[in-house]
């Protein structure tokens, strides 16, 4: 008696094996790529808002000086971004700070969940009040940030070292 099941089907076996290979990808590698990628998105955005301080690890650009808002930043928040409940000055400063502070923490894997929450809040604000049509981009950012909030930064992180020490 031949009981033909999907597991005997060569295509099903191949697909099953491919899935097993994907499942072998370490979460810590996924988290590191997610951390680096989302940190780069926000860092690069923050760099457009300041002058006197430029760091781009990929291009090798380094201008280490005293950062200050670019002349165009506050007018941009007044005319295009128009974040509700905050003056353009406060919104510009908070945004520039958050887009530099949280990415550094996320890249280091330090206070990762808290930092991801901060960037998630910023992304939600951008989506709801600034660029509501950019939901494909913002949805991708939110998915990465939710992953980091839910699962943490992985073993390549300061958070992991701290947790390991206090377990």
N, C-alpha and C. Protein backbone atom coordinates (compact mmCIF):
# COMPACT_ATOMS: atom_id res chain seq x y z
N UNK A 1 0.85 -1.17 0.00
CA UNK A 1 0.00 0.00 0.00
C UNK A 1 0.90 1.24 0.00
N UNK A 2 0.70 2.07 -0.97
CA UNK A 2 1.51 3.27 -1.11
C UNK A 2 0.70 4.47 -0.64
N UNK A 3 1.12 5.05 0.45
CA UNK A 3 0.46 6.27 0.94
C UNK A 3 1.30 7.45 0.51
N UNK A 4 0.87 8.08 -0.54
CA UNK A 4 1.61 9.21 -1.10
C UNK A 4 1.33 10.46 -0.26
N UNK A 5 2.35 11.00 0.38
CA UNK A 5 2.20 12.22 1.17
C UNK A 5 3.07 13.30 0.58
N UNK A 6 2.81 14.52 1.00
CA UNK A 6 3.61 15.64 0.50
C UNK A 6 5.08 15.50 0.87
N UNK A 7 5.36 14.86 2.01
CA UNK A 7 6.76 14.73 2.43
C UNK A 7 7.53 13.82 1.48
N UNK A 8 6.83 12.96 0.71
CA UNK A 8 7.51 12.10 -0.26
C UNK A 8 7.68 12.82 -1.61
N UNK A 9 6.98 13.88 -1.80
CA UNK A 9 7.06 14.65 -3.03
C UNK A 9 8.41 15.36 -3.07
N UNK A 10 9.19 15.20 -4.15
CA UNK A 10 10.52 15.83 -4.20
C UNK A 10 10.47 17.35 -4.11
N UNK A 11 9.45 17.96 -4.68
CA UNK A 11 9.34 19.42 -4.60
C UNK A 11 9.06 19.84 -3.16
N UNK A 12 8.18 19.12 -2.49
CA UNK A 12 7.87 19.43 -1.09
C UNK A 12 9.11 19.24 -0.22
N UNK A 13 9.88 18.18 -0.49
CA UNK A 13 11.11 17.96 0.28
C UNK A 13 12.11 19.09 0.04
N UNK A 14 12.24 19.52 -1.21
CA UNK A 14 13.16 20.61 -1.54
C UNK A 14 12.73 21.90 -0.84
N UNK A 15 11.46 22.22 -0.92
CA UNK A 15 10.95 23.42 -0.25
C UNK A 15 11.17 23.31 1.25
N UNK A 16 10.89 22.15 1.82
CA UNK A 16 11.11 21.94 3.26
C UNK A 16 12.57 22.14 3.64
N UNK A 17 13.48 21.65 2.81
CA UNK A 17 14.92 21.80 3.10
C UNK A 17 15.34 23.26 3.01
N UNK A 18 14.82 23.97 2.01
CA UNK A 18 15.14 25.40 1.88
C UNK A 18 14.64 26.16 3.10
N UNK A 19 13.44 25.84 3.55
CA UNK A 19 12.90 26.49 4.75
C UNK A 19 13.78 26.18 5.95
N UNK A 20 14.24 24.94 6.07
CA UNK A 20 15.14 24.58 7.18
C UNK A 20 16.42 25.41 7.12
N UNK A 21 16.95 25.62 5.93
CA UNK A 21 18.16 26.44 5.80
C UNK A 21 17.89 27.88 6.24
N UNK A 22 16.75 28.44 5.82
CA UNK A 22 16.39 29.79 6.25
C UNK A 22 16.25 29.87 7.76
N UNK A 23 15.68 28.83 8.36
CA UNK A 23 15.49 28.82 9.81
C UNK A 23 16.80 28.74 10.57
N UNK A 24 17.88 28.38 9.88
CA UNK A 24 19.19 28.31 10.52
C UNK A 24 19.88 29.67 10.58
N UNK A 25 19.31 30.68 9.93
CA UNK A 25 19.91 32.01 10.00
C UNK A 25 19.80 32.49 11.44
N UNK A 26 20.91 32.81 12.08
CA UNK A 26 20.85 33.21 13.49
C UNK A 26 20.10 34.53 13.67
N UNK A 27 19.25 34.57 14.70
CA UNK A 27 18.52 35.80 14.97
C UNK A 27 19.48 36.97 15.18
N UNK A 28 20.60 36.72 15.82
CA UNK A 28 21.54 37.81 16.10
C UNK A 28 22.07 38.45 14.83
N UNK A 29 22.22 37.67 13.76
CA UNK A 29 22.62 38.24 12.47
C UNK A 29 21.50 39.10 11.90
N UNK A 30 20.28 38.58 11.96
CA UNK A 30 19.12 39.34 11.49
C UNK A 30 19.01 40.65 12.27
N UNK A 31 19.14 40.57 13.58
CA UNK A 31 19.01 41.75 14.43
C UNK A 31 20.13 42.76 14.15
N UNK A 32 21.35 42.27 13.92
CA UNK A 32 22.45 43.19 13.63
C UNK A 32 22.21 43.93 12.32
N UNK A 33 21.79 43.22 11.29
CA UNK A 33 21.50 43.86 10.01
C UNK A 33 20.35 44.85 10.17
N UNK A 34 19.32 44.46 10.93
CA UNK A 34 18.18 45.36 11.18
C UNK A 34 18.65 46.60 11.93
N UNK A 35 19.47 46.41 12.96
CA UNK A 35 19.96 47.55 13.75
C UNK A 35 20.80 48.49 12.90
N UNK A 36 21.73 47.95 12.13
CA UNK A 36 22.58 48.79 11.28
C UNK A 36 21.73 49.54 10.26
N UNK A 37 20.80 48.85 9.64
CA UNK A 37 19.99 49.45 8.58
C UNK A 37 19.10 50.56 9.10
N UNK A 38 18.38 50.31 10.18
CA UNK A 38 17.46 51.33 10.69
C UNK A 38 18.24 52.49 11.30
N UNK A 39 19.38 52.20 11.92
CA UNK A 39 20.21 53.28 12.45
C UNK A 39 20.69 54.18 11.32
N UNK A 40 21.08 53.59 10.20
CA UNK A 40 21.57 54.38 9.06
C UNK A 40 20.48 55.28 8.50
N UNK A 41 19.25 54.78 8.42
CA UNK A 41 18.14 55.58 7.89
C UNK A 41 17.96 56.85 8.71
N UNK A 42 17.87 56.69 10.03
CA UNK A 42 17.60 57.84 10.89
C UNK A 42 18.84 58.73 11.03
N UNK A 43 20.02 58.13 11.12
CA UNK A 43 21.26 58.92 11.22
C UNK A 43 21.40 59.82 10.00
N UNK A 44 21.21 59.26 8.80
CA UNK A 44 21.35 60.06 7.58
C UNK A 44 20.32 61.18 7.54
N UNK A 45 19.11 60.92 8.02
CA UNK A 45 18.10 61.97 8.09
C UNK A 45 18.53 63.05 9.08
N UNK A 46 19.05 62.63 10.22
CA UNK A 46 19.53 63.59 11.21
C UNK A 46 20.67 64.44 10.68
N UNK A 47 21.53 63.84 9.88
CA UNK A 47 22.67 64.58 9.32
C UNK A 47 22.22 65.70 8.39
N UNK A 48 21.05 65.57 7.77
CA UNK A 48 20.55 66.64 6.90
C UNK A 48 20.06 67.83 7.69
N UNK A 49 19.86 67.65 8.98
CA UNK A 49 19.31 68.72 9.82
C UNK A 49 20.37 69.52 10.56
N UNK A 50 21.62 69.04 10.55
CA UNK A 50 22.67 69.72 11.31
C UNK A 50 23.86 70.09 10.42
N UNK A 51 24.62 71.04 10.92
CA UNK A 51 25.90 71.43 10.31
C UNK A 51 26.96 71.38 11.40
N UNK A 52 28.20 71.29 11.00
CA UNK A 52 29.30 71.29 11.95
C UNK A 52 29.64 69.93 12.50
N UNK A 53 28.88 68.92 12.12
CA UNK A 53 29.13 67.56 12.60
C UNK A 53 28.63 66.59 11.54
N UNK A 54 29.55 65.91 10.89
CA UNK A 54 29.16 64.95 9.86
C UNK A 54 29.96 63.67 10.04
N UNK A 55 29.26 62.57 10.16
CA UNK A 55 29.90 61.26 10.26
C UNK A 55 29.14 60.31 9.34
N UNK A 56 29.85 59.79 8.35
CA UNK A 56 29.28 58.79 7.45
C UNK A 56 30.29 57.65 7.35
N UNK A 57 30.00 56.56 8.05
CA UNK A 57 30.93 55.43 8.09
C UNK A 57 31.11 54.79 6.72
N UNK A 58 30.08 54.81 5.91
CA UNK A 58 30.15 54.16 4.60
C UNK A 58 31.05 54.94 3.64
N UNK A 59 30.85 56.25 3.56
CA UNK A 59 31.65 57.05 2.63
C UNK A 59 32.98 57.50 3.24
N UNK A 60 33.10 57.37 4.55
CA UNK A 60 34.32 57.80 5.22
C UNK A 60 34.39 59.29 5.46
N UNK A 61 33.24 59.95 5.49
CA UNK A 61 33.17 61.39 5.73
C UNK A 61 33.14 61.65 7.23
N UNK A 62 34.07 62.47 7.70
CA UNK A 62 34.11 62.81 9.12
C UNK A 62 34.41 64.29 9.26
N UNK A 63 33.50 65.01 9.89
CA UNK A 63 33.68 66.42 10.23
C UNK A 63 33.22 66.55 11.67
N UNK A 64 34.17 66.41 12.57
CA UNK A 64 33.83 66.39 13.98
C UNK A 64 33.96 67.80 14.54
N UNK A 65 32.85 68.46 14.66
CA UNK A 65 32.81 69.80 15.21
C UNK A 65 31.61 69.93 16.11
N UNK A 66 31.29 71.14 16.46
CA UNK A 66 30.14 71.40 17.32
C UNK A 66 28.88 71.44 16.45
N UNK A 67 27.99 70.48 16.63
CA UNK A 67 26.80 70.46 15.77
C UNK A 67 25.82 71.58 16.13
N UNK A 68 25.17 72.09 15.11
CA UNK A 68 24.09 73.06 15.28
C UNK A 68 23.11 72.85 14.14
N UNK A 69 21.88 73.29 14.35
CA UNK A 69 20.88 73.11 13.30
C UNK A 69 21.30 73.85 12.03
N UNK A 70 21.08 73.21 10.91
CA UNK A 70 21.31 73.87 9.62
C UNK A 70 20.30 75.00 9.47
N UNK A 71 20.67 76.02 8.73
CA UNK A 71 19.79 77.18 8.54
C UNK A 71 18.44 76.80 7.95
N UNK A 72 18.39 75.74 7.18
CA UNK A 72 17.15 75.34 6.51
C UNK A 72 16.24 74.47 7.39
N UNK A 73 16.72 74.03 8.54
CA UNK A 73 15.97 73.03 9.31
C UNK A 73 14.69 73.59 9.92
N UNK A 74 14.76 74.68 10.64
CA UNK A 74 13.55 75.23 11.28
C UNK A 74 12.54 75.67 10.22
N UNK A 75 12.94 76.37 9.15
CA UNK A 75 11.96 76.68 8.10
C UNK A 75 11.30 75.43 7.50
N UNK A 76 12.06 74.35 7.39
CA UNK A 76 11.50 73.10 6.88
C UNK A 76 10.41 72.57 7.81
N UNK A 77 10.65 72.65 9.10
CA UNK A 77 9.64 72.21 10.07
C UNK A 77 8.45 73.16 10.10
N UNK A 78 8.67 74.42 9.79
CA UNK A 78 7.58 75.40 9.77
C UNK A 78 6.71 75.26 8.52
N UNK A 79 7.34 74.95 7.38
CA UNK A 79 6.57 74.95 6.13
C UNK A 79 6.14 73.57 5.65
N UNK A 80 7.02 72.59 5.73
CA UNK A 80 6.70 71.29 5.16
C UNK A 80 6.28 70.26 6.21
N UNK A 81 7.02 70.13 7.29
CA UNK A 81 6.75 69.07 8.26
C UNK A 81 5.54 69.37 9.13
N UNK A 82 5.45 70.57 9.66
CA UNK A 82 4.29 71.03 10.44
C UNK A 82 3.80 70.00 11.46
N UNK A 83 4.66 69.59 12.35
CA UNK A 83 4.30 68.63 13.40
C UNK A 83 3.32 69.31 14.36
N UNK A 84 2.17 68.71 14.62
CA UNK A 84 1.20 69.36 15.51
C UNK A 84 1.68 69.39 16.96
N UNK A 85 1.22 70.36 17.69
CA UNK A 85 1.46 70.52 19.13
C UNK A 85 2.86 70.99 19.49
N UNK A 86 3.77 71.03 18.54
CA UNK A 86 5.13 71.48 18.82
C UNK A 86 5.48 72.65 17.90
N UNK A 87 6.20 73.60 18.45
CA UNK A 87 6.68 74.69 17.60
C UNK A 87 7.73 74.13 16.64
N UNK A 88 7.93 74.76 15.50
CA UNK A 88 8.96 74.29 14.57
C UNK A 88 10.34 74.22 15.21
N UNK A 89 10.63 75.15 16.11
CA UNK A 89 11.95 75.17 16.77
C UNK A 89 12.13 73.93 17.65
N UNK A 90 11.13 73.64 18.47
CA UNK A 90 11.22 72.48 19.37
C UNK A 90 11.23 71.19 18.56
N UNK A 91 10.35 71.09 17.57
CA UNK A 91 10.29 69.88 16.74
C UNK A 91 11.61 69.65 16.02
N UNK A 92 12.21 70.70 15.50
CA UNK A 92 13.48 70.57 14.78
C UNK A 92 14.59 70.09 15.71
N UNK A 93 14.68 70.68 16.90
CA UNK A 93 15.72 70.26 17.84
C UNK A 93 15.50 68.82 18.32
N UNK A 94 14.26 68.48 18.67
CA UNK A 94 13.97 67.12 19.12
C UNK A 94 14.27 66.10 18.03
N UNK A 95 13.87 66.42 16.82
CA UNK A 95 14.11 65.51 15.70
C UNK A 95 15.60 65.32 15.45
N UNK A 96 16.33 66.41 15.38
CA UNK A 96 17.78 66.32 15.13
C UNK A 96 18.47 65.53 16.24
N UNK A 97 18.07 65.77 17.49
CA UNK A 97 18.66 65.03 18.60
C UNK A 97 18.29 63.55 18.51
N UNK A 98 17.01 63.25 18.36
CA UNK A 98 16.55 61.86 18.32
C UNK A 98 17.13 61.07 17.17
N UNK A 99 17.31 61.73 16.02
CA UNK A 99 17.85 61.04 14.85
C UNK A 99 19.35 60.81 14.94
N UNK A 100 19.98 61.37 15.94
CA UNK A 100 21.39 61.07 16.19
C UNK A 100 21.57 60.17 17.42
N UNK A 101 20.83 60.46 18.48
CA UNK A 101 20.98 59.74 19.75
C UNK A 101 20.51 58.29 19.64
N UNK A 102 19.27 58.09 19.21
CA UNK A 102 18.71 56.73 19.16
C UNK A 102 19.45 55.82 18.18
N UNK A 103 19.84 56.28 16.99
CA UNK A 103 20.59 55.39 16.10
C UNK A 103 21.93 54.92 16.68
N UNK A 104 22.62 55.80 17.40
CA UNK A 104 23.88 55.38 18.02
C UNK A 104 23.62 54.28 19.04
N UNK A 105 22.60 54.47 19.87
CA UNK A 105 22.26 53.44 20.86
C UNK A 105 21.87 52.13 20.19
N UNK A 106 21.05 52.22 19.15
CA UNK A 106 20.62 51.01 18.45
C UNK A 106 21.81 50.31 17.80
N UNK A 107 22.69 51.05 17.18
CA UNK A 107 23.86 50.45 16.54
C UNK A 107 24.73 49.74 17.57
N UNK A 108 24.90 50.34 18.73
CA UNK A 108 25.68 49.71 19.79
C UNK A 108 24.93 48.58 20.47
N UNK A 109 23.62 48.55 20.29
CA UNK A 109 22.82 47.55 20.99
C UNK A 109 22.70 47.88 22.46
N UNK A 110 22.56 49.15 22.77
CA UNK A 110 22.45 49.61 24.16
C UNK A 110 21.12 50.33 24.32
N UNK A 111 20.32 49.88 25.28
CA UNK A 111 18.96 50.40 25.46
C UNK A 111 18.20 50.28 24.14
N UNK A 112 18.38 49.16 23.49
CA UNK A 112 17.86 48.96 22.14
C UNK A 112 16.35 49.06 22.07
N UNK A 113 15.67 48.39 22.99
CA UNK A 113 14.21 48.40 22.94
C UNK A 113 13.66 49.81 23.19
N UNK A 114 14.24 50.52 24.13
CA UNK A 114 13.83 51.90 24.42
C UNK A 114 14.09 52.79 23.21
N UNK A 115 15.25 52.64 22.61
CA UNK A 115 15.60 53.46 21.45
C UNK A 115 14.71 53.14 20.26
N UNK A 116 14.42 51.87 20.05
CA UNK A 116 13.51 51.48 18.97
C UNK A 116 12.12 52.07 19.21
N UNK A 117 11.69 52.09 20.45
CA UNK A 117 10.40 52.71 20.78
C UNK A 117 10.41 54.19 20.44
N UNK A 118 11.50 54.89 20.76
CA UNK A 118 11.61 56.31 20.43
C UNK A 118 11.52 56.55 18.93
N UNK A 119 12.24 55.74 18.15
CA UNK A 119 12.19 55.90 16.70
C UNK A 119 10.84 55.46 16.13
N UNK A 120 10.21 54.48 16.77
CA UNK A 120 8.87 54.07 16.35
C UNK A 120 7.89 55.22 16.53
N UNK A 121 7.97 55.90 17.67
CA UNK A 121 7.11 57.07 17.90
C UNK A 121 7.37 58.17 16.89
N UNK A 122 8.63 58.38 16.56
CA UNK A 122 8.96 59.39 15.56
C UNK A 122 8.40 58.98 14.19
N UNK A 123 8.55 57.71 13.85
CA UNK A 123 8.04 57.22 12.57
C UNK A 123 6.53 57.33 12.50
N UNK A 124 5.86 56.99 13.58
CA UNK A 124 4.40 57.09 13.61
C UNK A 124 3.96 58.54 13.43
N UNK A 125 4.66 59.46 14.06
CA UNK A 125 4.36 60.89 13.91
C UNK A 125 4.55 61.33 12.46
N UNK A 126 5.65 60.91 11.86
CA UNK A 126 5.91 61.25 10.46
C UNK A 126 4.80 60.69 9.57
N UNK A 127 4.43 59.44 9.82
CA UNK A 127 3.41 58.79 9.00
C UNK A 127 2.07 59.50 9.12
N UNK A 128 1.67 59.81 10.35
CA UNK A 128 0.34 60.37 10.58
C UNK A 128 0.23 61.84 10.18
N UNK A 129 1.28 62.62 10.42
CA UNK A 129 1.16 64.07 10.29
C UNK A 129 2.01 64.71 9.20
N UNK A 130 3.03 64.03 8.73
CA UNK A 130 3.95 64.68 7.79
C UNK A 130 3.82 64.09 6.38
N UNK A 131 4.05 62.80 6.26
CA UNK A 131 4.01 62.15 4.94
C UNK A 131 3.10 60.92 4.99
N UNK A 132 1.78 61.11 5.06
CA UNK A 132 0.88 59.96 5.16
C UNK A 132 0.91 59.05 3.93
N UNK A 133 1.35 59.55 2.81
CA UNK A 133 1.43 58.72 1.61
C UNK A 133 2.64 57.82 1.55
N UNK A 134 3.54 57.96 2.50
CA UNK A 134 4.79 57.18 2.49
C UNK A 134 4.70 55.93 3.36
N UNK A 135 3.49 55.37 3.47
CA UNK A 135 3.30 54.22 4.35
C UNK A 135 4.13 52.99 3.96
N UNK A 136 4.47 52.75 2.68
CA UNK A 136 5.33 51.59 2.42
C UNK A 136 6.71 51.72 3.09
N UNK A 137 7.28 52.90 3.01
CA UNK A 137 8.58 53.14 3.65
C UNK A 137 8.45 53.09 5.16
N UNK A 138 7.47 53.81 5.69
CA UNK A 138 7.31 53.86 7.15
C UNK A 138 6.91 52.51 7.71
N UNK A 139 6.12 51.75 6.96
CA UNK A 139 5.76 50.40 7.41
C UNK A 139 6.97 49.50 7.53
N UNK A 140 7.91 49.65 6.60
CA UNK A 140 9.15 48.87 6.67
C UNK A 140 9.96 49.27 7.90
N UNK A 141 10.08 50.57 8.13
CA UNK A 141 10.80 51.03 9.33
C UNK A 141 10.13 50.50 10.59
N UNK A 142 8.80 50.60 10.64
CA UNK A 142 8.07 50.14 11.83
C UNK A 142 8.25 48.64 12.05
N UNK A 143 8.27 47.86 10.98
CA UNK A 143 8.47 46.42 11.12
C UNK A 143 9.83 46.12 11.74
N UNK A 144 10.86 46.81 11.29
CA UNK A 144 12.20 46.61 11.86
C UNK A 144 12.21 47.03 13.32
N UNK A 145 11.63 48.18 13.62
CA UNK A 145 11.62 48.68 15.00
C UNK A 145 10.80 47.77 15.91
N UNK A 146 9.67 47.26 15.42
CA UNK A 146 8.87 46.32 16.21
C UNK A 146 9.65 45.03 16.48
N UNK A 147 10.39 44.55 15.49
CA UNK A 147 11.22 43.36 15.69
C UNK A 147 12.22 43.61 16.81
N UNK A 148 12.88 44.76 16.79
CA UNK A 148 13.87 45.07 17.83
C UNK A 148 13.22 45.25 19.19
N UNK A 149 12.02 45.85 19.22
CA UNK A 149 11.32 46.00 20.50
C UNK A 149 10.90 44.64 21.05
N UNK A 150 10.41 43.76 20.19
CA UNK A 150 9.89 42.47 20.63
C UNK A 150 10.98 41.47 20.97
N UNK A 151 12.02 41.41 20.15
CA UNK A 151 13.03 40.35 20.29
C UNK A 151 14.37 40.83 20.82
N UNK A 152 14.59 42.14 20.84
CA UNK A 152 15.86 42.66 21.34
C UNK A 152 16.94 42.69 20.28
N UNK A 153 18.15 43.10 20.69
CA UNK A 153 19.23 43.35 19.73
C UNK A 153 20.06 42.13 19.34
N UNK A 154 19.88 41.00 20.00
CA UNK A 154 20.71 39.83 19.72
C UNK A 154 22.00 39.85 20.53
N UNK A 155 22.85 38.87 20.26
CA UNK A 155 24.05 38.70 21.09
C UNK A 155 25.16 39.71 20.79
N UNK A 156 25.13 40.31 19.61
CA UNK A 156 26.16 41.29 19.26
C UNK A 156 25.74 42.67 19.77
N UNK A 157 25.62 42.80 21.09
CA UNK A 157 25.09 44.04 21.65
C UNK A 157 25.55 44.22 23.09
N UNK A 158 25.55 45.47 23.51
CA UNK A 158 25.83 45.78 24.91
C UNK A 158 24.70 45.27 25.79
N UNK A 159 23.47 45.37 25.32
CA UNK A 159 22.33 44.86 26.08
C UNK A 159 22.53 43.39 26.43
N UNK A 160 23.02 42.60 25.48
CA UNK A 160 23.25 41.18 25.73
C UNK A 160 24.31 40.98 26.80
N UNK A 161 25.38 41.76 26.73
CA UNK A 161 26.45 41.65 27.73
C UNK A 161 25.93 42.01 29.12
N UNK A 162 25.12 43.04 29.20
CA UNK A 162 24.54 43.45 30.49
C UNK A 162 23.61 42.37 31.01
N UNK A 163 22.74 41.86 30.16
CA UNK A 163 21.79 40.82 30.57
C UNK A 163 22.53 39.56 31.01
N UNK A 164 23.58 39.20 30.30
CA UNK A 164 24.38 38.01 30.63
C UNK A 164 25.03 38.17 32.01
N UNK A 165 25.47 39.36 32.29
CA UNK A 165 26.14 39.61 33.58
C UNK A 165 25.18 39.49 34.76
N UNK A 166 23.92 39.88 34.56
CA UNK A 166 22.97 39.91 35.67
C UNK A 166 22.00 38.74 35.67
N UNK A 167 22.26 37.72 34.91
CA UNK A 167 21.42 36.51 34.93
C UNK A 167 21.87 35.58 36.00
